[in-house]
């Protein structure tokens, strides 16, 4: 039997409870982890905004050391360093995704998916990928969600040179997207946010133009910057319906037989449906794509991303701006809700 301190979500808009959980040895396809670092993601604010049906454990990106493995787990072994990610390490058409495991809290057994806001975890082995012993655990701790959702997404979409781009939202994911767009040599690497400090942080990450949408007109400024060409790419991390609908006015229009129009990549989670003209989308040769996890293929993409983190092509050193202990998790979440974290915050376990 394993015991662990964990952050437990019991009721919406209430502090997480730090308390002890326990769990049994891993089944045939599970692993037990001693967590090293865990990222804090905006999607977890969605979890915290509703009351779960039972005690809920959170965290879906990070790094860890393998403590024990089930007898059918082959891709990692006891003692390995690993990346924790909601993106499955091995996937197939018929594979069951998001396999549940179990934990005990106050003498009651509950089910859980991936979690790592805890000193130890027991999760399905599909959520871990091997990290080399010489690879830095902190620098790779946000690869499992933030890097694939932002940096990789940009790499998967951009297929032009000398292009105009816009990032909506200058948070942790937006900063990674700006980093990628800079590396891909965007002609105009524009970022929009309502937070002045985040905009200035984005400037340090490599954007060329800033737009504060509480003070400036998005359409007018984009058209001025691009000399009325419009945008080749827009990466939306806000999930804001109004901003998404504004994008169609500033996406580049394609010319039949000569060029395609701009692409809107929706990455930020949203509950709202957007309105747009299918006719205009067709006539302008424009594209809307949904990009969950940057269309990541772990087997192919993780090694490439690890290499870019190792050589600082992906500028994790500047994007991870804060490191906290698990005991301070509620203070960090409040700071996150209040929009006071620049870049990405991590928990050191």
C-alpha atoms as a PDB file:
ATOM      1  CA  UNK A   1       0.000   0.000   0.000  1.00  0.00           C
ATOM      2  CA  UNK A   2       1.304   3.443  -0.980  1.00  0.00           C
ATOM      3  CA  UNK A   3       0.478   6.686   0.825  1.00  0.00           C
ATOM      4  CA  UNK A   4       0.694  10.185  -0.586  1.00  0.00           C
ATOM      5  CA  UNK A   5      -0.115  13.787   0.186  1.00  0.00           C
ATOM      6  CA  UNK A   6      -2.492  15.105  -2.479  1.00  0.00           C
ATOM      7  CA  UNK A   7      -4.477  18.195  -3.394  1.00  0.00           C
ATOM      8  CA  UNK A   8      -8.120  17.069  -3.396  1.00  0.00           C
ATOM      9  CA  UNK A   9     -10.973  18.936  -5.074  1.00  0.00           C
ATOM     10  CA  UNK A  10     -14.268  18.555  -3.190  1.00  0.00           C
ATOM     11  CA  UNK A  11     -16.445  21.581  -3.958  1.00  0.00           C
ATOM     12  CA  UNK A  12     -16.564  24.273  -6.618  1.00  0.00           C
ATOM     13  CA  UNK A  13     -14.893  27.594  -5.917  1.00  0.00           C
ATOM     14  CA  UNK A  14     -13.474  26.248  -2.639  1.00  0.00           C
ATOM     15  CA  UNK A  15      -9.859  25.670  -1.664  1.00  0.00           C
ATOM     16  CA  UNK A  16      -8.315  22.319  -2.452  1.00  0.00           C
ATOM     17  CA  UNK A  17      -7.871  20.073   0.575  1.00  0.00           C
ATOM     18  CA  UNK A  18      -4.333  18.844   1.249  1.00  0.00           C
ATOM     19  CA  UNK A  19      -4.740  15.407   2.742  1.00  0.00           C
ATOM     20  CA  UNK A  20      -3.466  11.846   2.588  1.00  0.00           C
ATOM     21  CA  UNK A  21      -4.615   9.357  -0.022  1.00  0.00           C
ATOM     22  CA  UNK A  22      -3.515   5.753  -0.441  1.00  0.00           C
ATOM     23  CA  UNK A  23      -3.522   3.227  -3.250  1.00  0.00           C
ATOM     24  CA  UNK A  24      -2.545  -0.363  -3.918  1.00  0.00           C
ATOM     25  CA  UNK A  25       0.267  -1.707  -6.094  1.00  0.00           C
ATOM     26  CA  UNK A  26      -0.080  -1.093  -9.827  1.00  0.00           C
ATOM     27  CA  UNK A  27      -2.200  -3.425 -11.944  1.00  0.00           C
ATOM     28  CA  UNK A  28      -0.826  -4.911 -15.174  1.00  0.00           C
ATOM     29  CA  UNK A  29      -0.935  -1.624 -17.157  1.00  0.00           C
ATOM     30  CA  UNK A  30      -0.372   0.949 -14.383  1.00  0.00           C
ATOM     31  CA  UNK A  31       2.625   2.750 -12.912  1.00  0.00           C
ATOM     32  CA  UNK A  32       3.331   4.281  -9.515  1.00  0.00           C
ATOM     33  CA  UNK A  33       5.219   7.572  -9.674  1.00  0.00           C
ATOM     34  CA  UNK A  34       7.151   9.766  -7.280  1.00  0.00           C
ATOM     35  CA  UNK A  35       6.282  13.142  -8.750  1.00  0.00           C
ATOM     36  CA  UNK A  36       8.998  15.724  -9.324  1.00  0.00           C
ATOM     37  CA  UNK A  37       7.297  18.724 -10.960  1.00  0.00           C
ATOM     38  CA  UNK A  38       3.730  19.452 -12.033  1.00  0.00           C
ATOM     39  CA  UNK A  39       2.401  22.204 -14.264  1.00  0.00           C
ATOM     40  CA  UNK A  40      -0.621  24.390 -13.587  1.00  0.00           C
ATOM     41  CA  UNK A  41      -2.949  24.649 -16.565  1.00  0.00           C
ATOM     42  CA  UNK A  42      -5.903  26.938 -17.270  1.00  0.00           C
ATOM     43  CA  UNK A  43      -8.154  23.952 -17.976  1.00  0.00           C
ATOM     44  CA  UNK A  44      -7.884  23.036 -14.286  1.00  0.00           C
ATOM     45  CA  UNK A  45      -9.750  26.236 -13.454  1.00  0.00           C
ATOM     46  CA  UNK A  46     -12.664  24.643 -15.303  1.00  0.00           C
ATOM     47  CA  UNK A  47     -12.466  21.635 -12.973  1.00  0.00           C
ATOM     48  CA  UNK A  48     -12.397  23.913  -9.958  1.00  0.00           C
ATOM     49  CA  UNK A  49     -15.458  25.842 -11.149  1.00  0.00           C
ATOM     50  CA  UNK A  50     -17.767  22.866 -10.675  1.00  0.00           C
ATOM     51  CA  UNK A  51     -18.439  20.407  -7.861  1.00  0.00           C
ATOM     52  CA  UNK A  52     -17.198  16.911  -8.755  1.00  0.00           C
ATOM     53  CA  UNK A  53     -19.301  13.822  -8.205  1.00  0.00           C
ATOM     54  CA  UNK A  54     -16.628  12.446  -5.876  1.00  0.00           C
ATOM     55  CA  UNK A  55     -13.251  13.636  -4.522  1.00  0.00           C
ATOM     56  CA  UNK A  56     -11.192  14.643  -7.552  1.00  0.00           C
ATOM     57  CA  UNK A  57      -7.418  14.596  -8.053  1.00  0.00           C
ATOM     58  CA  UNK A  58      -5.875  17.067 -10.509  1.00  0.00           C
ATOM     59  CA  UNK A  59      -2.750  17.687 -12.589  1.00  0.00           C
ATOM     60  CA  UNK A  60      -2.006  16.399 -16.090  1.00  0.00           C
ATOM     61  CA  UNK A  61       1.523  17.514 -17.033  1.00  0.00           C
ATOM     62  CA  UNK A  62       4.810  17.143 -15.233  1.00  0.00           C
ATOM     63  CA  UNK A  63       7.794  14.918 -14.571  1.00  0.00           C
ATOM     64  CA  UNK A  64       8.345  12.037 -12.167  1.00  0.00           C
ATOM     65  CA  UNK A  65      10.380   8.979 -11.253  1.00  0.00           C
ATOM     66  CA  UNK A  66       8.890   5.518 -11.712  1.00  0.00           C
ATOM     67  CA  UNK A  67       8.533   3.663  -8.408  1.00  0.00           C
ATOM     68  CA  UNK A  68       6.732   0.527  -9.622  1.00  0.00           C
ATOM     69  CA  UNK A  69       5.256  -0.838 -12.861  1.00  0.00           C
ATOM     70  CA  UNK A  70       2.609  -3.390 -13.787  1.00  0.00           C
ATOM     71  CA  UNK A  71       3.760  -6.661 -15.336  1.00  0.00           C
ATOM     72  CA  UNK A  72       2.697  -5.706 -18.867  1.00  0.00           C
ATOM     73  CA  UNK A  73       4.313  -2.242 -18.904  1.00  0.00           C
ATOM     74  CA  UNK A  74       7.289  -2.360 -21.271  1.00  0.00           C
ATOM     75  CA  UNK A  75       8.125   1.229 -22.293  1.00  0.00           C
ATOM     76  CA  UNK A  76       9.287   2.352 -18.827  1.00  0.00           C
ATOM     77  CA  UNK A  77      10.785   0.571 -15.824  1.00  0.00           C
ATOM     78  CA  UNK A  78      11.380   1.181 -12.137  1.00  0.00           C
ATOM     79  CA  UNK A  79      13.857   4.029 -11.596  1.00  0.00           C
ATOM     80  CA  UNK A  80      13.192   5.738 -14.955  1.00  0.00           C
ATOM     81  CA  UNK A  81      12.608   9.470 -15.176  1.00  0.00           C
ATOM     82  CA  UNK A  82       9.405  10.186 -17.117  1.00  0.00           C
ATOM     83  CA  UNK A  83       7.270  12.919 -18.581  1.00  0.00           C
ATOM     84  CA  UNK A  84       3.657  12.907 -17.393  1.00  0.00           C
ATOM     85  CA  UNK A  85       1.128  13.926 -20.043  1.00  0.00           C
ATOM     86  CA  UNK A  86      -2.550  13.536 -20.873  1.00  0.00           C
ATOM     87  CA  UNK A  87      -1.380  12.779 -24.417  1.00  0.00           C
ATOM     88  CA  UNK A  88      -1.062   8.976 -24.603  1.00  0.00           C
ATOM     89  CA  UNK A  89       2.394   7.520 -25.098  1.00  0.00           C
ATOM     90  CA  UNK A  90       1.003   4.698 -27.209  1.00  0.00           C
ATOM     91  CA  UNK A  91      -2.209   4.959 -29.168  1.00  0.00           C
ATOM     92  CA  UNK A  92      -4.146   3.006 -31.758  1.00  0.00           C
ATOM     93  CA  UNK A  93      -7.563   3.042 -33.370  1.00  0.00           C
ATOM     94  CA  UNK A  94      -8.942   0.454 -30.972  1.00  0.00           C
ATOM     95  CA  UNK A  95      -7.113   1.515 -27.815  1.00  0.00           C
ATOM     96  CA  UNK A  96      -9.165   2.603 -24.844  1.00  0.00           C
ATOM     97  CA  UNK A  97      -8.082   6.148 -24.015  1.00  0.00           C
ATOM     98  CA  UNK A  98      -8.263   7.641 -20.502  1.00  0.00           C
ATOM     99  CA  UNK A  99      -8.162   4.463 -18.480  1.00  0.00           C
ATOM    100  CA  UNK A 100      -9.174   4.913 -14.851  1.00  0.00           C
ATOM    101  CA  UNK A 101      -7.255   3.905 -11.780  1.00  0.00           C
ATOM    102  CA  UNK A 102      -8.278   4.057  -8.113  1.00  0.00           C
ATOM    103  CA  UNK A 103      -7.297   5.613  -4.812  1.00  0.00           C
ATOM    104  CA  UNK A 104      -8.521   5.503  -1.236  1.00  0.00           C
ATOM    105  CA  UNK A 105      -9.537   8.614   0.710  1.00  0.00           C
ATOM    106  CA  UNK A 106     -10.977   8.428   4.232  1.00  0.00           C
ATOM    107  CA  UNK A 107     -11.476   4.656   3.855  1.00  0.00           C
ATOM    108  CA  UNK A 108     -13.519   4.962   0.662  1.00  0.00           C
ATOM    109  CA  UNK A 109     -12.281   3.901  -2.789  1.00  0.00           C
ATOM    110  CA  UNK A 110     -12.682   6.328  -5.692  1.00  0.00           C
ATOM    111  CA  UNK A 111     -11.783   6.333  -9.355  1.00  0.00           C
ATOM    112  CA  UNK A 112      -9.346   8.784 -10.886  1.00  0.00           C
ATOM    113  CA  UNK A 113      -7.702   9.494 -14.221  1.00  0.00           C
ATOM    114  CA  UNK A 114      -4.306  11.156 -14.597  1.00  0.00           C
ATOM    115  CA  UNK A 115      -3.188  13.277 -11.626  1.00  0.00           C
ATOM    116  CA  UNK A 116       0.080  14.608 -10.221  1.00  0.00           C
ATOM    117  CA  UNK A 117      -0.730  17.383  -7.747  1.00  0.00           C
ATOM    118  CA  UNK A 118       0.505  14.856  -5.206  1.00  0.00           C
ATOM    119  CA  UNK A 119       3.773  13.479  -3.911  1.00  0.00           C
ATOM    120  CA  UNK A 120       2.980  10.066  -5.424  1.00  0.00           C
ATOM    121  CA  UNK A 121       0.524   8.925  -8.093  1.00  0.00           C
ATOM    122  CA  UNK A 122      -0.824   5.704  -9.524  1.00  0.00           C
ATOM    123  CA  UNK A 123      -1.913   6.200 -13.136  1.00  0.00           C
ATOM    124  CA  UNK A 124      -2.287   4.231 -16.342  1.00  0.00           C
ATOM    125  CA  UNK A 125       1.020   3.719 -18.145  1.00  0.00           C
ATOM    126  CA  UNK A 126      -0.260   5.444 -21.303  1.00  0.00           C
ATOM    127  CA  UNK A 127       0.255   8.772 -19.501  1.00  0.00           C
ATOM    128  CA  UNK A 128       4.041   8.457 -19.091  1.00  0.00           C
ATOM    129  CA  UNK A 129       6.924   8.711 -21.571  1.00  0.00           C
ATOM    130  CA  UNK A 130      10.572   8.084 -20.807  1.00  0.00           C
ATOM    131  CA  UNK A 131      12.875  10.998 -20.026  1.00  0.00           C
ATOM    132  CA  UNK A 132      16.627  10.488 -20.285  1.00  0.00           C
ATOM    133  CA  UNK A 133      18.563  10.625 -17.020  1.00  0.00           C
ATOM    134  CA  UNK A 134      20.510  13.716 -18.128  1.00  0.00           C
ATOM    135  CA  UNK A 135      17.370  15.648 -19.149  1.00  0.00           C
ATOM    136  CA  UNK A 136      16.229  18.338 -16.735  1.00  0.00           C
ATOM    137  CA  UNK A 137      12.982  17.452 -14.952  1.00  0.00           C
ATOM    138  CA  UNK A 138      11.907  21.046 -14.403  1.00  0.00           C
ATOM    139  CA  UNK A 139      12.563  22.110 -17.999  1.00  0.00           C
ATOM    140  CA  UNK A 140      10.470  19.206 -19.329  1.00  0.00           C
ATOM    141  CA  UNK A 141       7.659  19.515 -16.780  1.00  0.00           C
ATOM    142  CA  UNK A 142       5.368  21.559 -19.051  1.00  0.00           C
ATOM    143  CA  UNK A 143       5.998  19.565 -22.215  1.00  0.00           C
ATOM    144  CA  UNK A 144       3.076  17.223 -21.637  1.00  0.00           C
ATOM    145  CA  UNK A 145       0.406  19.883 -22.146  1.00  0.00           C
ATOM    146  CA  UNK A 146       1.645  23.439 -22.650  1.00  0.00           C
ATOM    147  CA  UNK A 147       4.421  22.734 -25.148  1.00  0.00           C
ATOM    148  CA  UNK A 148       2.411  20.357 -27.320  1.00  0.00           C
ATOM    149  CA  UNK A 149      -0.691  22.555 -27.228  1.00  0.00           C
ATOM    150  CA  UNK A 150       1.146  25.737 -28.221  1.00  0.00           C
ATOM    151  CA  UNK A 151       4.663  25.339 -29.601  1.00  0.00           C
ATOM    152  CA  UNK A 152       3.907  22.109 -31.462  1.00  0.00           C
ATOM    153  CA  UNK A 153       0.571  23.453 -32.711  1.00  0.00           C
ATOM    154  CA  UNK A 154       2.338  26.371 -34.393  1.00  0.00           C
ATOM    155  CA  UNK A 155       4.877  24.057 -36.017  1.00  0.00           C
ATOM    156  CA  UNK A 156       2.122  21.779 -37.328  1.00  0.00           C
ATOM    157  CA  UNK A 157       0.155  24.633 -38.903  1.00  0.00           C
ATOM    158  CA  UNK A 158       2.706  27.094 -40.341  1.00  0.00           C
ATOM    159  CA  UNK A 159       3.780  26.172 -43.862  1.00  0.00           C
ATOM    160  CA  UNK A 160       4.654  29.589 -45.301  1.00  0.00           C
ATOM    161  CA  UNK A 161       7.589  31.963 -45.192  1.00  0.00           C
ATOM    162  CA  UNK A 162       7.446  35.696 -44.566  1.00  0.00           C
ATOM    163  CA  UNK A 163       4.021  35.358 -42.933  1.00  0.00           C
ATOM    164  CA  UNK A 164       1.824  37.491 -40.661  1.00  0.00           C
ATOM    165  CA  UNK A 165       0.566  35.918 -37.441  1.00  0.00           C
ATOM    166  CA  UNK A 166      -1.527  36.826 -34.403  1.00  0.00           C
ATOM    167  CA  UNK A 167      -1.608  35.125 -30.999  1.00  0.00           C
ATOM    168  CA  UNK A 168      -4.753  35.712 -28.935  1.00  0.00           C
ATOM    169  CA  UNK A 169      -3.795  35.510 -25.262  1.00  0.00           C
ATOM    170  CA  UNK A 170      -0.308  36.154 -23.852  1.00  0.00           C
ATOM    171  CA  UNK A 171      -0.351  33.573 -21.064  1.00  0.00           C
ATOM    172  CA  UNK A 172       1.856  30.499 -20.806  1.00  0.00           C
ATOM    173  CA  UNK A 173       0.594  28.889 -24.007  1.00  0.00           C
ATOM    174  CA  UNK A 174       0.597  32.186 -25.875  1.00  0.00           C
ATOM    175  CA  UNK A 175       4.228  32.730 -24.876  1.00  0.00           C
ATOM    176  CA  UNK A 176       5.181  29.317 -26.249  1.00  0.00           C
ATOM    177  CA  UNK A 177       3.360  30.089 -29.501  1.00  0.00           C
ATOM    178  CA  UNK A 178       5.209  33.407 -29.780  1.00  0.00           C
ATOM    179  CA  UNK A 179       8.477  31.531 -29.206  1.00  0.00           C
ATOM    180  CA  UNK A 180       7.629  29.142 -32.065  1.00  0.00           C
ATOM    181  CA  UNK A 181       6.534  31.927 -34.426  1.00  0.00           C
ATOM    182  CA  UNK A 182       9.754  33.815 -33.759  1.00  0.00           C
ATOM    183  CA  UNK A 183      11.779  30.684 -34.559  1.00  0.00           C
ATOM    184  CA  UNK A 184       9.782  30.249 -37.777  1.00  0.00           C
ATOM    185  CA  UNK A 185      10.656  33.867 -38.680  1.00  0.00           C
ATOM    186  CA  UNK A 186       7.204  35.451 -38.767  1.00  0.00           C
ATOM    187  CA  UNK A 187       7.321  38.805 -40.559  1.00  0.00           C
ATOM    188  CA  UNK A 188       4.803  40.265 -38.124  1.00  0.00           C
ATOM    189  CA  UNK A 189       4.454  38.291 -34.878  1.00  0.00           C
ATOM    190  CA  UNK A 190       1.523  40.048 -33.209  1.00  0.00           C
ATOM    191  CA  UNK A 191       0.027  39.284 -29.787  1.00  0.00           C
ATOM    192  CA  UNK A 192      -3.241  40.454 -28.196  1.00  0.00           C
ATOM    193  CA  UNK A 193      -4.102  40.569 -24.510  1.00  0.00           C
ATOM    194  CA  UNK A 194      -5.836  42.882 -22.041  1.00  0.00           C
ATOM    195  CA  UNK A 195      -3.079  42.570 -19.431  1.00  0.00           C
ATOM    196  CA  UNK A 196      -0.234  45.073 -19.916  1.00  0.00           C
ATOM    197  CA  UNK A 197       2.280  43.026 -17.921  1.00  0.00           C
ATOM    198  CA  UNK A 198       1.569  39.943 -20.020  1.00  0.00           C
ATOM    199  CA  UNK A 199       1.973  41.956 -23.207  1.00  0.00           C
ATOM    200  CA  UNK A 200       5.365  43.206 -22.055  1.00  0.00           C
ATOM    201  CA  UNK A 201       6.327  39.632 -21.173  1.00  0.00           C
ATOM    202  CA  UNK A 202       5.278  38.580 -24.679  1.00  0.00           C
ATOM    203  CA  UNK A 203       7.537  41.263 -26.100  1.00  0.00           C
ATOM    204  CA  UNK A 204      10.495  39.656 -24.315  1.00  0.00           C
ATOM    205  CA  UNK A 205       9.491  36.306 -25.824  1.00  0.00           C
ATOM    206  CA  UNK A 206       9.873  37.673 -29.340  1.00  0.00           C
ATOM    207  CA  UNK A 207       6.653  39.225 -30.611  1.00  0.00           C
ATOM    208  CA  UNK A 208       6.962  42.258 -32.878  1.00  0.00           C
ATOM    209  CA  UNK A 209       3.687  44.073 -32.097  1.00  0.00           C
ATOM    210  CA  UNK A 210       1.384  44.335 -29.085  1.00  0.00           C
ATOM    211  CA  UNK A 211      -2.378  44.935 -29.053  1.00  0.00           C
ATOM    212  CA  UNK A 212      -4.259  45.745 -25.854  1.00  0.00           C
ATOM    213  CA  UNK A 213      -7.855  44.957 -26.852  1.00  0.00           C
ATOM    214  CA  UNK A 214      -9.272  47.105 -24.050  1.00  0.00           C
ATOM    215  CA  UNK A 215      -7.636  50.190 -25.568  1.00  0.00           C
ATOM    216  CA  UNK A 216      -7.118  49.491 -29.264  1.00  0.00           C
ATOM    217  CA  UNK A 217      -9.230  48.391 -32.217  1.00  0.00           C
ATOM    218  CA  UNK A 218      -8.082  44.932 -33.274  1.00  0.00           C
ATOM    219  CA  UNK A 219      -9.112  45.149 -36.929  1.00  0.00           C
ATOM    220  CA  UNK A 220      -7.672  48.610 -37.506  1.00  0.00           C
ATOM    221  CA  UNK A 221      -4.320  47.843 -35.905  1.00  0.00           C
ATOM    222  CA  UNK A 222      -3.853  44.462 -37.626  1.00  0.00           C
ATOM    223  CA  UNK A 223      -4.628  45.948 -41.023  1.00  0.00           C
ATOM    224  CA  UNK A 224      -2.215  48.813 -40.360  1.00  0.00           C
ATOM    225  CA  UNK A 225       0.576  46.444 -39.310  1.00  0.00           C
ATOM    226  CA  UNK A 226       0.040  44.081 -42.243  1.00  0.00           C
ATOM    227  CA  UNK A 227      -0.529  46.906 -44.760  1.00  0.00           C
ATOM    228  CA  UNK A 228      -4.054  45.617 -45.403  1.00  0.00           C
ATOM    229  CA  UNK A 229      -2.875  42.112 -46.265  1.00  0.00           C
ATOM    230  CA  UNK A 230      -4.470  40.474 -43.253  1.00  0.00           C
ATOM    231  CA  UNK A 231      -3.172  37.514 -41.283  1.00  0.00           C
ATOM    232  CA  UNK A 232      -1.898  34.192 -42.537  1.00  0.00           C
ATOM    233  CA  UNK A 233      -2.331  32.569 -39.120  1.00  0.00           C
ATOM    234  CA  UNK A 234      -4.267  33.281 -35.942  1.00  0.00           C
ATOM    235  CA  UNK A 235      -3.722  31.100 -32.865  1.00  0.00           C
ATOM    236  CA  UNK A 236      -6.510  31.491 -30.325  1.00  0.00           C
ATOM    237  CA  UNK A 237      -5.756  30.536 -26.723  1.00  0.00           C
ATOM    238  CA  UNK A 238      -8.606  32.537 -25.173  1.00  0.00           C
ATOM    239  CA  UNK A 239     -11.699  30.581 -26.177  1.00  0.00           C
ATOM    240  CA  UNK A 240     -13.404  33.974 -26.396  1.00  0.00           C
ATOM    241  CA  UNK A 241     -16.350  33.926 -28.796  1.00  0.00           C
ATOM    242  CA  UNK A 242     -16.224  37.635 -29.619  1.00  0.00           C
ATOM    243  CA  UNK A 243     -12.508  37.514 -30.443  1.00  0.00           C
ATOM    244  CA  UNK A 244     -12.931  34.367 -32.528  1.00  0.00           C
ATOM    245  CA  UNK A 245     -15.678  35.971 -34.589  1.00  0.00           C
ATOM    246  CA  UNK A 246     -13.537  39.085 -35.091  1.00  0.00           C
ATOM    247  CA  UNK A 247     -10.848  36.920 -36.653  1.00  0.00           C
ATOM    248  CA  UNK A 248     -12.684  36.479 -39.945  1.00  0.00           C
ATOM    249  CA  UNK A 249     -12.362  40.206 -40.636  1.00  0.00           C
ATOM    250  CA  UNK A 250      -8.579  40.112 -40.318  1.00  0.00           C
ATOM    251  CA  UNK A 251      -7.703  36.755 -41.885  1.00  0.00           C
ATOM    252  CA  UNK A 252      -6.013  37.047 -45.258  1.00  0.00           C
ATOM    253  CA  UNK A 253      -8.283  36.439 -48.248  1.00  0.00           C
ATOM    254  CA  UNK A 254      -7.096  33.967 -50.854  1.00  0.00           C
ATOM    255  CA  UNK A 255      -6.953  34.604 -54.583  1.00  0.00           C
ATOM    256  CA  UNK A 256      -8.289  31.748 -56.786  1.00  0.00           C
ATOM    257  CA  UNK A 257      -5.493  30.085 -58.698  1.00  0.00           C
ATOM    258  CA  UNK A 258      -2.845  32.041 -56.810  1.00  0.00           C
ATOM    259  CA  UNK A 259      -3.058  31.811 -53.012  1.00  0.00           C
ATOM    260  CA  UNK A 260      -5.004  30.377 -50.096  1.00  0.00           C
ATOM    261  CA  UNK A 261      -6.441  32.515 -47.336  1.00  0.00           C
ATOM    262  CA  UNK A 262      -5.583  32.641 -43.657  1.00  0.00           C
ATOM    263  CA  UNK A 263      -6.069  29.976 -40.998  1.00  0.00           C
ATOM    264  CA  UNK A 264      -7.687  30.322 -37.581  1.00  0.00           C
ATOM    265  CA  UNK A 265      -6.424  27.648 -35.168  1.00  0.00           C
ATOM    266  CA  UNK A 266      -8.665  27.253 -32.112  1.00  0.00           C
ATOM    267  CA  UNK A 267      -6.688  25.916 -29.143  1.00  0.00           C
ATOM    268  CA  UNK A 268      -8.149  27.621 -26.068  1.00  0.00           C
ATOM    269  CA  UNK A 269     -11.112  25.770 -24.562  1.00  0.00           C
ATOM    270  CA  UNK A 270     -14.517  27.344 -25.125  1.00  0.00           C
ATOM    271  CA  UNK A 271     -18.123  26.424 -24.369  1.00  0.00           C
ATOM    272  CA  UNK A 272     -19.580  28.881 -26.888  1.00  0.00           C
ATOM    273  CA  UNK A 273     -20.393  28.300 -30.551  1.00  0.00           C
ATOM    274  CA  UNK A 274     -19.088  30.930 -32.951  1.00  0.00           C
ATOM    275  CA  UNK A 275     -20.997  32.435 -35.874  1.00  0.00           C
ATOM    276  CA  UNK A 276     -19.401  32.838 -39.276  1.00  0.00           C
ATOM    277  CA  UNK A 277     -20.387  32.942 -42.939  1.00  0.00           C
ATOM    278  CA  UNK A 278     -19.691  29.619 -44.624  1.00  0.00           C
ATOM    279  CA  UNK A 279     -19.990  31.403 -47.971  1.00  0.00           C
ATOM    280  CA  UNK A 280     -17.287  33.946 -47.078  1.00  0.00           C
ATOM    281  CA  UNK A 281     -15.071  31.182 -45.707  1.00  0.00           C
ATOM    282  CA  UNK A 282     -15.401  29.367 -49.013  1.00  0.00           C
ATOM    283  CA  UNK A 283     -14.971  32.393 -51.276  1.00  0.00           C
ATOM    284  CA  UNK A 284     -11.938  33.631 -49.324  1.00  0.00           C
ATOM    285  CA  UNK A 285     -10.250  30.209 -49.185  1.00  0.00           C
ATOM    286  CA  UNK A 286      -9.948  30.525 -45.408  1.00  0.00           C
ATOM    287  CA  UNK A 287      -9.622  27.707 -42.868  1.00  0.00           C
ATOM    288  CA  UNK A 288     -10.749  27.024 -39.283  1.00  0.00           C
ATOM    289  CA  UNK A 289      -9.053  24.174 -37.437  1.00  0.00           C
ATOM    290  CA  UNK A 290      -9.415  22.758 -33.955  1.00  0.00           C
ATOM    291  CA  UNK A 291      -6.054  21.768 -32.455  1.00  0.00           C
ATOM    292  CA  UNK A 292      -6.300  19.576 -29.379  1.00  0.00           C
ATOM    293  CA  UNK A 293      -2.815  19.000 -28.035  1.00  0.00           C
ATOM    294  CA  UNK A 294      -1.155  20.245 -31.220  1.00  0.00           C
ATOM    295  CA  UNK A 295      -2.214  17.091 -33.103  1.00  0.00           C
ATOM    296  CA  UNK A 296       0.581  15.441 -31.171  1.00  0.00           C
ATOM    297  CA  UNK A 297       1.906  11.995 -32.036  1.00  0.00           C
ATOM    298  CA  UNK A 298       3.927  11.198 -28.909  1.00  0.00           C
ATOM    299  CA  UNK A 299       6.168   8.635 -30.559  1.00  0.00           C
ATOM    300  CA  UNK A 300       7.240  11.068 -33.274  1.00  0.00           C
ATOM    301  CA  UNK A 301       6.862  14.458 -31.625  1.00  0.00           C
ATOM    302  CA  UNK A 302       8.121  13.958 -28.061  1.00  0.00           C
ATOM    303  CA  UNK A 303      11.735  13.172 -29.070  1.00  0.00           C
ATOM    304  CA  UNK A 304      11.847  16.273 -31.304  1.00  0.00           C
ATOM    305  CA  UNK A 305      10.381  18.505 -28.609  1.00  0.00           C
ATOM    306  CA  UNK A 306      12.757  17.149 -25.960  1.00  0.00           C
ATOM    307  CA  UNK A 307      15.687  17.978 -28.223  1.00  0.00           C
ATOM    308  CA  UNK A 308      14.416  21.538 -28.712  1.00  0.00           C
ATOM    309  CA  UNK A 309      13.976  21.981 -24.968  1.00  0.00           C
ATOM    310  CA  UNK A 310      17.469  20.628 -24.350  1.00  0.00           C
ATOM    311  CA  UNK A 311      19.087  23.095 -26.782  1.00  0.00           C
ATOM    312  CA  UNK A 312      16.857  25.988 -25.631  1.00  0.00           C
ATOM    313  CA  UNK A 313      15.122  26.396 -29.001  1.00  0.00           C
ATOM    314  CA  UNK A 314      11.990  26.172 -26.877  1.00  0.00           C
ATOM    315  CA  UNK A 315      12.732  28.826 -24.285  1.00  0.00           C
ATOM    316  CA  UNK A 316      11.439  27.048 -21.178  1.00  0.00           C
ATOM    317  CA  UNK A 317      13.900  28.851 -18.894  1.00  0.00           C
ATOM    318  CA  UNK A 318      12.054  32.109 -19.482  1.00  0.00           C
ATOM    319  CA  UNK A 319       8.539  30.667 -19.847  1.00  0.00           C
ATOM    320  CA  UNK A 320       8.552  28.961 -16.422  1.00  0.00           C
ATOM    321  CA  UNK A 321       8.470  32.057 -14.261  1.00  0.00           C
ATOM    322  CA  UNK A 322       7.358  30.648 -10.900  1.00  0.00           C
ATOM    323  CA  UNK A 323       8.045  27.558  -8.795  1.00  0.00           C
ATOM    324  CA  UNK A 324       5.921  26.700  -5.759  1.00  0.00           C
ATOM    325  CA  UNK A 325       5.516  23.955  -3.161  1.00  0.00           C
ATOM    326  CA  UNK A 326       2.405  21.801  -3.015  1.00  0.00           C
ATOM    327  CA  UNK A 327       1.478  23.278   0.368  1.00  0.00           C
ATOM    328  CA  UNK A 328       0.968  26.632  -1.385  1.00  0.00           C
ATOM    329  CA  UNK A 329      -1.280  25.273  -4.147  1.00  0.00           C
ATOM    330  CA  UNK A 330      -4.326  27.362  -3.188  1.00  0.00           C
ATOM    331  CA  UNK A 331      -2.320  30.602  -3.181  1.00  0.00           C
ATOM    332  CA  UNK A 332      -0.957  29.756  -6.637  1.00  0.00           C
ATOM    333  CA  UNK A 333      -4.429  28.995  -7.981  1.00  0.00           C
ATOM    334  CA  UNK A 334      -5.753  32.295  -6.662  1.00  0.00           C
ATOM    335  CA  UNK A 335      -2.864  34.119  -8.291  1.00  0.00           C
ATOM    336  CA  UNK A 336      -3.597  32.260 -11.528  1.00  0.00           C
ATOM    337  CA  UNK A 337      -7.303  33.135 -11.381  1.00  0.00           C
ATOM    338  CA  UNK A 338      -6.409  36.775 -10.773  1.00  0.00           C
ATOM    339  CA  UNK A 339      -4.299  36.780 -13.962  1.00  0.00           C
ATOM    340  CA  UNK A 340      -1.110  37.551 -12.030  1.00  0.00           C
ATOM    341  CA  UNK A 341       1.123  34.757 -13.330  1.00  0.00           C
ATOM    342  CA  UNK A 342       3.332  35.540 -16.297  1.00  0.00           C
ATOM    343  CA  UNK A 343       4.324  32.552 -18.393  1.00  0.00           C
ATOM    344  CA  UNK A 344       3.856  29.201 -16.661  1.00  0.00           C
ATOM    345  CA  UNK A 345       3.938  28.249 -12.972  1.00  0.00           C
ATOM    346  CA  UNK A 346       5.044  24.813 -11.750  1.00  0.00           C
ATOM    347  CA  UNK A 347       4.796  22.904  -8.480  1.00  0.00           C
ATOM    348  CA  UNK A 348       7.898  21.226  -7.101  1.00  0.00           C
ATOM    349  CA  UNK A 349       6.902  18.037  -5.339  1.00  0.00           C
END
